[in-house]
Amino acid sequence: MPRPKTLTDEEVLEAALALMHERGPEALTFAGLANACGLSGATLVQRFGNKAALRQSVLLHAWDLLDGKTARLAAAVPRTPEGAVALLVGLSKDYGGIESYAEGLLILREDLRDPVLRARGTAWREALSAALDDCFSGSPRAPHGIGLLMASQWQGALLWWSFDPRASVEDFVGDSLRHFVSVVLEPTPPNPPGEA
């Protein structure tokens, strides 16, 4: 197969991200990426410098994709508690099955090792929490900071699903988050007579 004359950086980063998801972060080498995308290893070194810079570029690209998906979903869902559930279920769809989720945790490990990537995670947490808060803006019983609470519940639901992935991740997450919303928004029962 002839090598392509050129690929955009975005196309190369997509190929690298696919390689990481398919075979794990350690599979991301210049030789492995050259095989995956068809460019020479020398061309890739010229573009990205070294393996650490390549890995960071790939993971920053992944954060860009997640930021874009989050913004699109946030703009599309209704500003209701069910809209908040729909946003998080929509974000869960990319996890696929348990093998894909497990490989994603290896990639998350790489994010946690790099302060630049951790900062992107922090920024995404803030954007996601704000989008979820916005979905509860018409719910007077919603506690302050419910967006972060719900995002945390979502992450926990993903983890619990991973131990027993018989249901689809979307169904498990949706059920878990709907239960969370019902508990959080449930009216507080009045105090029994005689109690303050």
N, C-alpha and C. Protein backbone atom coordinates (compact mmCIF):
# COMPACT_ATOMS: atom_id res chain seq x y z
N MET A 1 0.85 -1.18 0.00
CA MET A 1 0.00 0.00 0.00
C MET A 1 0.89 1.23 0.00
N PRO A 2 0.68 2.16 -0.92
CA PRO A 2 1.50 3.37 -0.93
C PRO A 2 1.17 4.25 0.27
N ARG A 3 2.20 4.91 0.78
CA ARG A 3 1.98 5.82 1.92
C ARG A 3 1.28 7.08 1.43
N PRO A 4 0.36 7.64 2.24
CA PRO A 4 -0.26 8.90 1.85
C PRO A 4 0.78 10.01 1.87
N LYS A 5 0.62 10.97 0.98
CA LYS A 5 1.58 12.08 0.94
C LYS A 5 1.46 12.94 2.18
N THR A 6 0.24 13.15 2.63
CA THR A 6 0.07 13.98 3.81
C THR A 6 -1.25 13.67 4.49
N LEU A 7 -1.26 13.86 5.76
CA LEU A 7 -2.47 13.81 6.57
C LEU A 7 -2.43 15.04 7.46
N THR A 8 -3.59 15.58 7.78
CA THR A 8 -3.62 16.70 8.72
C THR A 8 -3.22 16.21 10.10
N ASP A 9 -2.82 17.13 10.95
CA ASP A 9 -2.52 16.74 12.33
C ASP A 9 -3.74 16.10 12.98
N GLU A 10 -4.93 16.64 12.68
CA GLU A 10 -6.15 16.08 13.27
C GLU A 10 -6.35 14.63 12.83
N GLU A 11 -6.11 14.32 11.59
CA GLU A 11 -6.24 12.94 11.11
C GLU A 11 -5.22 12.02 11.79
N VAL A 12 -4.02 12.52 11.97
CA VAL A 12 -2.98 11.73 12.66
C VAL A 12 -3.38 11.51 14.11
N LEU A 13 -3.88 12.56 14.77
CA LEU A 13 -4.28 12.44 16.17
C LEU A 13 -5.46 11.49 16.32
N GLU A 14 -6.38 11.49 15.36
CA GLU A 14 -7.50 10.54 15.38
C GLU A 14 -6.99 9.11 15.28
N ALA A 15 -6.03 8.88 14.39
CA ALA A 15 -5.45 7.54 14.25
C ALA A 15 -4.73 7.13 15.53
N ALA A 16 -4.03 8.07 16.14
CA ALA A 16 -3.31 7.78 17.39
C ALA A 16 -4.27 7.48 18.53
N LEU A 17 -5.36 8.23 18.60
CA LEU A 17 -6.35 8.00 19.65
C LEU A 17 -7.01 6.63 19.46
N ALA A 18 -7.32 6.28 18.23
CA ALA A 18 -7.90 4.96 17.95
C ALA A 18 -6.92 3.86 18.35
N LEU A 19 -5.65 4.06 18.07
CA LEU A 19 -4.62 3.09 18.44
C LEU A 19 -4.57 2.92 19.96
N MET A 20 -4.63 4.01 20.69
CA MET A 20 -4.60 3.94 22.15
C MET A 20 -5.82 3.20 22.69
N HIS A 21 -6.99 3.47 22.10
CA HIS A 21 -8.21 2.80 22.56
C HIS A 21 -8.21 1.32 22.22
N GLU A 22 -7.65 0.98 21.08
CA GLU A 22 -7.65 -0.43 20.65
C GLU A 22 -6.62 -1.27 21.38
N ARG A 23 -5.43 -0.69 21.61
CA ARG A 23 -4.34 -1.51 22.13
C ARG A 23 -3.70 -0.96 23.40
N GLY A 24 -4.26 0.11 23.94
CA GLY A 24 -3.73 0.67 25.18
C GLY A 24 -2.71 1.77 24.94
N PRO A 25 -2.48 2.61 25.94
CA PRO A 25 -1.57 3.75 25.81
C PRO A 25 -0.15 3.36 25.43
N GLU A 26 0.30 2.20 25.88
CA GLU A 26 1.68 1.79 25.60
C GLU A 26 1.90 1.47 24.12
N ALA A 27 0.81 1.24 23.40
CA ALA A 27 0.92 0.95 21.96
C ALA A 27 1.21 2.20 21.14
N LEU A 28 1.08 3.37 21.78
CA LEU A 28 1.33 4.62 21.05
C LEU A 28 2.84 4.87 20.97
N THR A 29 3.41 4.41 19.89
CA THR A 29 4.81 4.68 19.57
C THR A 29 4.83 5.29 18.18
N PHE A 30 5.94 5.88 17.80
CA PHE A 30 6.02 6.43 16.45
C PHE A 30 5.92 5.33 15.40
N ALA A 31 6.51 4.18 15.68
CA ALA A 31 6.43 3.06 14.72
C ALA A 31 5.00 2.54 14.62
N GLY A 32 4.33 2.39 15.77
CA GLY A 32 2.95 1.91 15.76
C GLY A 32 2.02 2.88 15.07
N LEU A 33 2.22 4.17 15.32
CA LEU A 33 1.38 5.18 14.67
C LEU A 33 1.68 5.25 13.18
N ALA A 34 2.94 5.08 12.80
CA ALA A 34 3.28 5.07 11.37
C ALA A 34 2.54 3.94 10.67
N ASN A 35 2.49 2.78 11.29
CA ASN A 35 1.74 1.65 10.71
C ASN A 35 0.25 1.95 10.64
N ALA A 36 -0.27 2.64 11.65
CA ALA A 36 -1.71 2.91 11.71
C ALA A 36 -2.15 3.98 10.72
N CYS A 37 -1.31 5.00 10.52
CA CYS A 37 -1.77 6.12 9.67
C CYS A 37 -1.09 6.17 8.31
N GLY A 38 0.01 5.44 8.13
CA GLY A 38 0.66 5.40 6.83
C GLY A 38 1.74 6.44 6.61
N LEU A 39 1.93 7.36 7.55
CA LEU A 39 3.03 8.31 7.43
C LEU A 39 4.30 7.67 7.99
N SER A 40 5.43 8.16 7.57
CA SER A 40 6.68 7.60 8.08
C SER A 40 6.91 8.04 9.52
N GLY A 41 7.64 7.21 10.25
CA GLY A 41 8.00 7.56 11.61
C GLY A 41 8.77 8.86 11.68
N ALA A 42 9.64 9.11 10.70
CA ALA A 42 10.43 10.35 10.68
C ALA A 42 9.52 11.57 10.53
N THR A 43 8.49 11.45 9.70
CA THR A 43 7.53 12.56 9.53
C THR A 43 6.82 12.83 10.85
N LEU A 44 6.43 11.78 11.53
CA LEU A 44 5.71 11.94 12.80
C LEU A 44 6.61 12.55 13.87
N VAL A 45 7.87 12.13 13.91
CA VAL A 45 8.82 12.73 14.86
C VAL A 45 9.00 14.21 14.54
N GLN A 46 9.08 14.53 13.27
CA GLN A 46 9.23 15.92 12.87
C GLN A 46 8.04 16.75 13.33
N ARG A 47 6.85 16.19 13.24
CA ARG A 47 5.64 16.93 13.63
C ARG A 47 5.47 17.04 15.14
N PHE A 48 5.76 15.95 15.86
CA PHE A 48 5.39 15.91 17.28
C PHE A 48 6.59 15.92 18.24
N GLY A 49 7.80 15.73 17.74
CA GLY A 49 8.98 15.86 18.58
C GLY A 49 9.40 14.60 19.29
N ASN A 50 8.67 14.20 20.31
CA ASN A 50 9.01 12.99 21.05
C ASN A 50 7.73 12.30 21.50
N LYS A 51 7.90 11.14 22.10
CA LYS A 51 6.74 10.32 22.46
C LYS A 51 5.85 11.03 23.49
N ALA A 52 6.45 11.69 24.46
CA ALA A 52 5.67 12.39 25.48
C ALA A 52 4.84 13.50 24.86
N ALA A 53 5.43 14.26 23.95
CA ALA A 53 4.70 15.33 23.28
C ALA A 53 3.58 14.78 22.40
N LEU A 54 3.85 13.65 21.75
CA LEU A 54 2.83 13.00 20.94
C LEU A 54 1.66 12.57 21.82
N ARG A 55 1.96 11.89 22.92
CA ARG A 55 0.90 11.43 23.83
C ARG A 55 0.07 12.61 24.33
N GLN A 56 0.74 13.68 24.74
CA GLN A 56 0.01 14.85 25.23
C GLN A 56 -0.86 15.45 24.13
N SER A 57 -0.35 15.53 22.91
CA SER A 57 -1.14 16.07 21.79
C SER A 57 -2.38 15.22 21.54
N VAL A 58 -2.21 13.91 21.59
CA VAL A 58 -3.34 13.00 21.37
C VAL A 58 -4.40 13.21 22.46
N LEU A 59 -3.96 13.29 23.70
CA LEU A 59 -4.91 13.40 24.79
C LEU A 59 -5.54 14.80 24.85
N LEU A 60 -4.81 15.82 24.47
CA LEU A 60 -5.43 17.15 24.36
C LEU A 60 -6.50 17.14 23.26
N HIS A 61 -6.23 16.43 22.17
CA HIS A 61 -7.22 16.28 21.11
C HIS A 61 -8.46 15.56 21.64
N ALA A 62 -8.25 14.52 22.45
CA ALA A 62 -9.38 13.80 23.04
C ALA A 62 -10.21 14.73 23.94
N TRP A 63 -9.53 15.60 24.70
CA TRP A 63 -10.26 16.56 25.53
C TRP A 63 -11.03 17.54 24.65
N ASP A 64 -10.45 17.97 23.55
CA ASP A 64 -11.18 18.85 22.62
C ASP A 64 -12.46 18.18 22.14
N LEU A 65 -12.36 16.90 21.79
CA LEU A 65 -13.53 16.16 21.33
C LEU A 65 -14.58 16.07 22.43
N LEU A 66 -14.15 15.78 23.67
CA LEU A 66 -15.09 15.67 24.77
C LEU A 66 -15.73 17.02 25.09
N ASP A 67 -14.94 18.09 25.06
CA ASP A 67 -15.51 19.42 25.28
C ASP A 67 -16.57 19.73 24.23
N GLY A 68 -16.28 19.41 22.97
CA GLY A 68 -17.24 19.67 21.90
C GLY A 68 -18.51 18.87 22.07
N LYS A 69 -18.36 17.59 22.39
CA LYS A 69 -19.54 16.73 22.58
C LYS A 69 -20.37 17.22 23.75
N THR A 70 -19.71 17.60 24.84
CA THR A 70 -20.42 18.09 26.02
C THR A 70 -21.21 19.35 25.67
N ALA A 71 -20.59 20.27 24.96
CA ALA A 71 -21.28 21.51 24.59
C ALA A 71 -22.46 21.23 23.66
N ARG A 72 -22.29 20.33 22.71
CA ARG A 72 -23.41 20.00 21.80
C ARG A 72 -24.57 19.37 22.55
N LEU A 73 -24.27 18.42 23.44
CA LEU A 73 -25.33 17.79 24.21
C LEU A 73 -26.01 18.80 25.13
N ALA A 74 -25.23 19.63 25.79
CA ALA A 74 -25.79 20.62 26.71
C ALA A 74 -26.72 21.58 25.98
N ALA A 75 -26.38 21.92 24.74
CA ALA A 75 -27.23 22.83 23.96
C ALA A 75 -28.50 22.14 23.47
N ALA A 76 -28.46 20.82 23.35
CA ALA A 76 -29.59 20.09 22.75
C ALA A 76 -30.61 19.59 23.76
N VAL A 77 -30.21 19.38 25.01
CA VAL A 77 -31.15 18.80 25.98
C VAL A 77 -32.03 19.88 26.58
N PRO A 78 -33.24 19.50 27.03
CA PRO A 78 -34.10 20.49 27.69
C PRO A 78 -33.50 20.91 29.03
N ARG A 79 -33.83 22.08 29.48
CA ARG A 79 -33.33 22.61 30.75
C ARG A 79 -34.22 22.09 31.87
N THR A 80 -34.14 20.79 32.08
CA THR A 80 -34.94 20.10 33.09
C THR A 80 -34.05 19.04 33.74
N PRO A 81 -34.47 18.49 34.88
CA PRO A 81 -33.71 17.38 35.46
C PRO A 81 -33.56 16.21 34.48
N GLU A 82 -34.61 15.91 33.72
CA GLU A 82 -34.50 14.81 32.74
C GLU A 82 -33.50 15.19 31.65
N GLY A 83 -33.38 16.47 31.33
CA GLY A 83 -32.37 16.92 30.38
C GLY A 83 -30.96 16.67 30.92
N ALA A 84 -30.78 16.86 32.23
CA ALA A 84 -29.48 16.57 32.84
C ALA A 84 -29.15 15.09 32.72
N VAL A 85 -30.16 14.25 32.95
CA VAL A 85 -29.96 12.80 32.80
C VAL A 85 -29.59 12.49 31.36
N ALA A 86 -30.32 13.08 30.41
CA ALA A 86 -30.05 12.82 28.99
C ALA A 86 -28.64 13.25 28.60
N LEU A 87 -28.17 14.36 29.15
CA LEU A 87 -26.81 14.82 28.84
C LEU A 87 -25.78 13.77 29.28
N LEU A 88 -25.93 13.27 30.50
CA LEU A 88 -24.95 12.31 31.01
C LEU A 88 -25.09 10.94 30.36
N VAL A 89 -26.30 10.53 30.03
CA VAL A 89 -26.47 9.28 29.29
C VAL A 89 -25.83 9.42 27.92
N GLY A 90 -26.00 10.59 27.29
CA GLY A 90 -25.36 10.83 25.99
C GLY A 90 -23.84 10.75 26.07
N LEU A 91 -23.27 11.26 27.14
CA LEU A 91 -21.82 11.17 27.32
C LEU A 91 -21.37 9.74 27.61
N SER A 92 -22.27 8.92 28.13
CA SER A 92 -21.93 7.53 28.47
C SER A 92 -21.89 6.62 27.26
N LYS A 93 -22.54 7.01 26.18
CA LYS A 93 -22.66 6.13 25.01
C LYS A 93 -21.31 5.75 24.42
N ASP A 94 -20.33 6.61 24.53
CA ASP A 94 -19.02 6.32 23.95
C ASP A 94 -18.27 5.22 24.70
N TYR A 95 -18.72 4.90 25.91
CA TYR A 95 -18.00 3.88 26.67
C TYR A 95 -18.19 2.50 26.08
N GLY A 96 -19.31 2.25 25.43
CA GLY A 96 -19.53 0.95 24.82
C GLY A 96 -19.58 -0.15 25.86
N GLY A 97 -18.87 -1.24 25.62
CA GLY A 97 -18.88 -2.38 26.53
C GLY A 97 -17.79 -2.27 27.58
N ILE A 98 -17.71 -3.29 28.40
CA ILE A 98 -16.77 -3.29 29.52
C ILE A 98 -15.32 -3.22 29.06
N GLU A 99 -14.97 -3.89 27.97
CA GLU A 99 -13.59 -3.86 27.50
C GLU A 99 -13.19 -2.44 27.09
N SER A 100 -14.08 -1.76 26.40
CA SER A 100 -13.81 -0.39 25.98
C SER A 100 -13.68 0.53 27.20
N TYR A 101 -14.55 0.34 28.19
CA TYR A 101 -14.50 1.14 29.40
C TYR A 101 -13.17 0.91 30.14
N ALA A 102 -12.77 -0.35 30.24
CA ALA A 102 -11.52 -0.68 30.93
C ALA A 102 -10.32 -0.04 30.23
N GLU A 103 -10.30 -0.09 28.90
CA GLU A 103 -9.21 0.56 28.15
C GLU A 103 -9.23 2.07 28.38
N GLY A 104 -10.43 2.64 28.49
CA GLY A 104 -10.55 4.07 28.76
C GLY A 104 -9.94 4.47 30.09
N LEU A 105 -10.01 3.57 31.07
CA LEU A 105 -9.39 3.86 32.37
C LEU A 105 -7.88 3.93 32.25
N LEU A 106 -7.30 3.11 31.37
CA LEU A 106 -5.85 3.21 31.15
C LEU A 106 -5.48 4.55 30.54
N ILE A 107 -6.34 5.05 29.67
CA ILE A 107 -6.08 6.36 29.06
C ILE A 107 -6.26 7.46 30.11
N LEU A 108 -7.26 7.32 30.98
CA LEU A 108 -7.44 8.28 32.06
C LEU A 108 -6.20 8.34 32.94
N ARG A 109 -5.57 7.19 33.16
CA ARG A 109 -4.33 7.17 33.94
C ARG A 109 -3.29 8.11 33.34
N GLU A 110 -3.22 8.13 32.01
CA GLU A 110 -2.26 9.02 31.34
C GLU A 110 -2.63 10.49 31.57
N ASP A 111 -3.92 10.80 31.57
CA ASP A 111 -4.36 12.17 31.87
C ASP A 111 -3.95 12.58 33.27
N LEU A 112 -4.09 11.66 34.21
CA LEU A 112 -3.80 11.98 35.62
C LEU A 112 -2.31 12.19 35.87
N ARG A 113 -1.47 11.67 35.01
CA ARG A 113 -0.02 11.81 35.18
C ARG A 113 0.52 13.15 34.68
N ASP A 114 -0.27 13.88 33.92
CA ASP A 114 0.22 15.09 33.24
C ASP A 114 -0.55 16.31 33.76
N PRO A 115 0.13 17.30 34.36
CA PRO A 115 -0.57 18.46 34.92
C PRO A 115 -1.36 19.25 33.87
N VAL A 116 -0.89 19.31 32.64
CA VAL A 116 -1.62 20.02 31.58
C VAL A 116 -2.95 19.31 31.31
N LEU A 117 -2.92 17.99 31.27
CA LEU A 117 -4.12 17.21 31.02
C LEU A 117 -5.06 17.23 32.22
N ARG A 118 -4.49 17.22 33.42
CA ARG A 118 -5.34 17.34 34.62
C ARG A 118 -6.08 18.67 34.62
N ALA A 119 -5.41 19.71 34.17
CA ALA A 119 -6.06 21.03 34.10
C ALA A 119 -7.23 20.99 33.11
N ARG A 120 -7.07 20.25 32.02
CA ARG A 120 -8.20 20.11 31.07
C ARG A 120 -9.36 19.38 31.73
N GLY A 121 -9.04 18.36 32.53
CA GLY A 121 -10.09 17.65 33.25
C GLY A 121 -10.82 18.56 34.24
N THR A 122 -10.08 19.41 34.91
CA THR A 122 -10.68 20.36 35.84
C THR A 122 -11.60 21.33 35.10
N ALA A 123 -11.14 21.84 33.97
CA ALA A 123 -11.97 22.76 33.17
C ALA A 123 -13.24 22.06 32.68
N TRP A 124 -13.11 20.80 32.27
CA TRP A 124 -14.29 20.06 31.80
C TRP A 124 -15.27 19.83 32.95
N ARG A 125 -14.74 19.52 34.14
CA ARG A 125 -15.61 19.35 35.32
C ARG A 125 -16.43 20.61 35.55
N GLU A 126 -15.79 21.77 35.44
CA GLU A 126 -16.49 23.03 35.67
C GLU A 126 -17.56 23.27 34.60
N ALA A 127 -17.23 23.01 33.34
CA ALA A 127 -18.20 23.21 32.26
C ALA A 127 -19.36 22.23 32.37
N LEU A 128 -19.07 20.98 32.66
CA LEU A 128 -20.13 19.98 32.80
C LEU A 128 -21.02 20.31 33.99
N SER A 129 -20.43 20.65 35.11
CA SER A 129 -21.21 20.99 36.30
C SER A 129 -22.12 22.18 36.04
N ALA A 130 -21.61 23.19 35.34
CA ALA A 130 -22.43 24.37 35.02
C ALA A 130 -23.59 23.99 34.09
N ALA A 131 -23.33 23.14 33.12
CA ALA A 131 -24.40 22.71 32.20
C ALA A 131 -25.47 21.94 32.97
N LEU A 132 -25.05 21.10 33.91
CA LEU A 132 -26.02 20.35 34.72
C LEU A 132 -26.77 21.27 35.66
N ASP A 133 -26.07 22.22 36.28
CA ASP A 133 -26.75 23.21 37.13
C ASP A 133 -27.85 23.92 36.34
N ASP A 134 -27.54 24.27 35.10
CA ASP A 134 -28.49 24.97 34.24
C ASP A 134 -29.76 24.14 34.03
N CYS A 135 -29.62 22.84 33.96
CA CYS A 135 -30.79 21.96 33.79
C CYS A 135 -31.70 21.96 35.01
N PHE A 136 -31.18 22.36 36.16
CA PHE A 136 -31.97 22.38 37.39
C PHE A 136 -32.39 23.81 37.77
N SER A 137 -32.14 24.77 36.89
CA SER A 137 -32.42 26.16 37.24
C SER A 137 -33.89 26.41 37.55
N GLY A 138 -34.79 25.62 37.00
CA GLY A 138 -36.22 25.77 37.28
C GLY A 138 -36.72 24.89 38.40
N SER A 139 -35.83 24.22 39.10
CA SER A 139 -36.22 23.31 40.19
C SER A 139 -35.86 23.93 41.53
N PRO A 140 -36.85 24.51 42.21
CA PRO A 140 -36.53 25.22 43.47
C PRO A 140 -35.97 24.32 44.56
N ARG A 141 -36.21 23.02 44.49
CA ARG A 141 -35.70 22.11 45.52
C ARG A 141 -34.26 21.66 45.24
N ALA A 142 -33.74 22.00 44.10
CA ALA A 142 -32.38 21.56 43.76
C ALA A 142 -31.37 22.28 44.65
N PRO A 143 -30.50 21.51 45.31
CA PRO A 143 -29.49 22.15 46.17
C PRO A 143 -28.44 22.88 45.33
N HIS A 144 -27.83 23.87 45.97
CA HIS A 144 -26.73 24.58 45.32
C HIS A 144 -25.62 23.58 44.99
N GLY A 145 -25.08 23.65 43.79
CA GLY A 145 -24.01 22.75 43.40
C GLY A 145 -24.47 21.38 42.95
N ILE A 146 -25.75 21.26 42.59
CA ILE A 146 -26.26 19.94 42.19
C ILE A 146 -25.54 19.41 40.95
N GLY A 147 -25.04 20.30 40.10
CA GLY A 147 -24.36 19.83 38.89
C GLY A 147 -23.15 18.97 39.21
N LEU A 148 -22.31 19.42 40.12
CA LEU A 148 -21.14 18.63 40.51
C LEU A 148 -21.56 17.36 41.24
N LEU A 149 -22.58 17.47 42.09
CA LEU A 149 -23.09 16.27 42.77
C LEU A 149 -23.56 15.22 41.76
N MET A 150 -24.28 15.68 40.74
CA MET A 150 -24.81 14.74 39.75
C MET A 150 -23.69 14.17 38.89
N ALA A 151 -22.71 15.00 38.53
CA ALA A 151 -21.57 14.51 37.76
C ALA A 151 -20.81 13.46 38.56
N SER A 152 -20.69 13.67 39.87
CA SER A 152 -20.02 12.69 40.73
C SER A 152 -20.83 11.40 40.81
N GLN A 153 -22.14 11.52 40.91
CA GLN A 153 -23.01 10.34 40.91
C GLN A 153 -22.85 9.57 39.60
N TRP A 154 -22.77 10.29 38.50
CA TRP A 154 -22.59 9.68 37.19
C TRP A 154 -21.30 8.86 37.14
N GLN A 155 -20.20 9.46 37.61
CA GLN A 155 -18.93 8.74 37.59
C GLN A 155 -19.00 7.49 38.47
N GLY A 156 -19.66 7.62 39.61
CA GLY A 156 -19.84 6.45 40.47
C GLY A 156 -20.69 5.38 39.80
N ALA A 157 -21.75 5.79 39.11
CA ALA A 157 -22.61 4.83 38.41
C ALA A 157 -21.82 4.08 37.34
N LEU A 158 -20.95 4.79 36.64
CA LEU A 158 -20.12 4.12 35.63
C LEU A 158 -19.23 3.06 36.27
N LEU A 159 -18.65 3.40 37.40
CA LEU A 159 -17.78 2.44 38.09
C LEU A 159 -18.57 1.23 38.56
N TRP A 160 -19.73 1.45 39.18
CA TRP A 160 -20.52 0.31 39.66
C TRP A 160 -21.01 -0.54 38.49
N TRP A 161 -21.38 0.09 37.39
CA TRP A 161 -21.78 -0.67 36.20
C TRP A 161 -20.63 -1.57 35.75
N SER A 162 -19.41 -1.07 35.82
CA SER A 162 -18.27 -1.83 35.29
C SER A 162 -18.04 -3.14 36.04
N PHE A 163 -18.45 -3.22 37.29
CA PHE A 163 -18.30 -4.47 38.03
C PHE A 163 -19.33 -5.52 37.64
N ASP A 164 -20.46 -5.07 37.11
CA ASP A 164 -21.54 -6.00 36.74
C ASP A 164 -22.23 -5.45 35.48
N PRO A 165 -21.55 -5.56 34.33
CA PRO A 165 -22.04 -4.89 33.12
C PRO A 165 -23.09 -5.67 32.33
N ARG A 166 -24.02 -6.30 33.03
CA ARG A 166 -25.05 -7.05 32.31
C ARG A 166 -26.01 -6.13 31.57
N ALA A 167 -26.37 -5.02 32.18
CA ALA A 167 -27.23 -4.03 31.52
C ALA A 167 -26.36 -3.16 30.62
N SER A 168 -26.98 -2.50 29.67
CA SER A 168 -26.20 -1.54 28.87
C SER A 168 -25.78 -0.38 29.77
N VAL A 169 -24.67 0.22 29.46
CA VAL A 169 -24.19 1.34 30.27
C VAL A 169 -25.21 2.47 30.26
N GLU A 170 -25.88 2.69 29.13
CA GLU A 170 -26.88 3.77 29.05
C GLU A 170 -28.05 3.50 29.99
N ASP A 171 -28.54 2.26 30.01
CA ASP A 171 -29.67 1.93 30.88
C ASP A 171 -29.28 2.03 32.35
N PHE A 172 -28.11 1.49 32.69
CA PHE A 172 -27.66 1.51 34.08
C PHE A 172 -27.48 2.95 34.56
N VAL A 173 -26.80 3.76 33.76
CA VAL A 173 -26.56 5.15 34.14
C VAL A 173 -27.87 5.92 34.22
N GLY A 174 -28.73 5.74 33.23
CA GLY A 174 -30.01 6.45 33.24
C GLY A 174 -30.83 6.12 34.47
N ASP A 175 -30.94 4.83 34.81
CA ASP A 175 -31.70 4.43 36.00
C ASP A 175 -31.08 5.00 37.27
N SER A 176 -29.77 4.93 37.38
CA SER A 176 -29.07 5.44 38.56
C SER A 176 -29.28 6.95 38.72
N LEU A 177 -29.17 7.67 37.63
CA LEU A 177 -29.31 9.13 37.71
C LEU A 177 -30.75 9.55 37.97
N ARG A 178 -31.71 8.84 37.41
CA ARG A 178 -33.11 9.17 37.69
C ARG A 178 -33.42 8.93 39.17
N HIS A 179 -32.87 7.88 39.73
CA HIS A 179 -33.06 7.62 41.16
C HIS A 179 -32.41 8.75 41.98
N PHE A 180 -31.21 9.14 41.60
CA PHE A 180 -30.52 10.24 42.28
C PHE A 180 -31.38 11.50 42.26
N VAL A 181 -31.91 11.85 41.09
CA VAL A 181 -32.72 13.07 40.97
C VAL A 181 -33.96 12.97 41.84
N SER A 182 -34.61 11.81 41.85
CA SER A 182 -35.83 11.67 42.65
C SER A 182 -35.54 11.83 44.14
N VAL A 183 -34.41 11.31 44.60
CA VAL A 183 -34.04 11.44 46.02
C VAL A 183 -33.69 12.88 46.35
N VAL A 184 -32.91 13.52 45.49
CA VAL A 184 -32.47 14.89 45.76
C VAL A 184 -33.63 15.88 45.72
N LEU A 185 -34.54 15.68 44.80
CA LEU A 185 -35.65 16.63 44.64
C LEU A 185 -36.88 16.26 45.46
N GLU A 186 -36.83 15.13 46.18
CA GLU A 186 -37.97 14.70 46.99
C GLU A 186 -38.23 15.73 48.08
N PRO A 187 -39.49 16.07 48.27
CA PRO A 187 -39.78 17.05 49.34
C PRO A 187 -39.35 16.52 50.71
N THR A 188 -38.83 17.38 51.52
CA THR A 188 -38.43 17.01 52.88
C THR A 188 -39.69 16.84 53.72
N PRO A 189 -39.84 15.69 54.39
CA PRO A 189 -41.05 15.53 55.20
C PRO A 189 -41.03 16.51 56.38
N PRO A 190 -42.21 16.95 56.77
CA PRO A 190 -42.25 17.90 57.91
C PRO A 190 -41.79 17.21 59.19
N ASN A 191 -41.30 18.01 60.12
CA ASN A 191 -40.91 17.47 61.43
C ASN A 191 -42.16 16.97 62.14
N PRO A 192 -42.03 15.88 62.88
CA PRO A 192 -43.18 15.44 63.69
C PRO A 192 -43.57 16.51 64.70
N PRO A 193 -44.83 16.54 65.10
CA PRO A 193 -45.26 17.55 66.08
C PRO A 193 -44.38 17.49 67.33
N GLY A 194 -44.05 18.64 67.85
CA GLY A 194 -43.25 18.72 69.07
C GLY A 194 -41.76 18.75 68.82
N GLU A 195 -41.30 18.53 67.56
CA GLU A 195 -39.86 18.58 67.26
C GLU A 195 -39.57 19.86 66.50
N ALA A 196 -38.45 20.45 66.79
CA ALA A 196 -38.06 21.68 66.10
C ALA A 196 -37.36 21.39 64.83
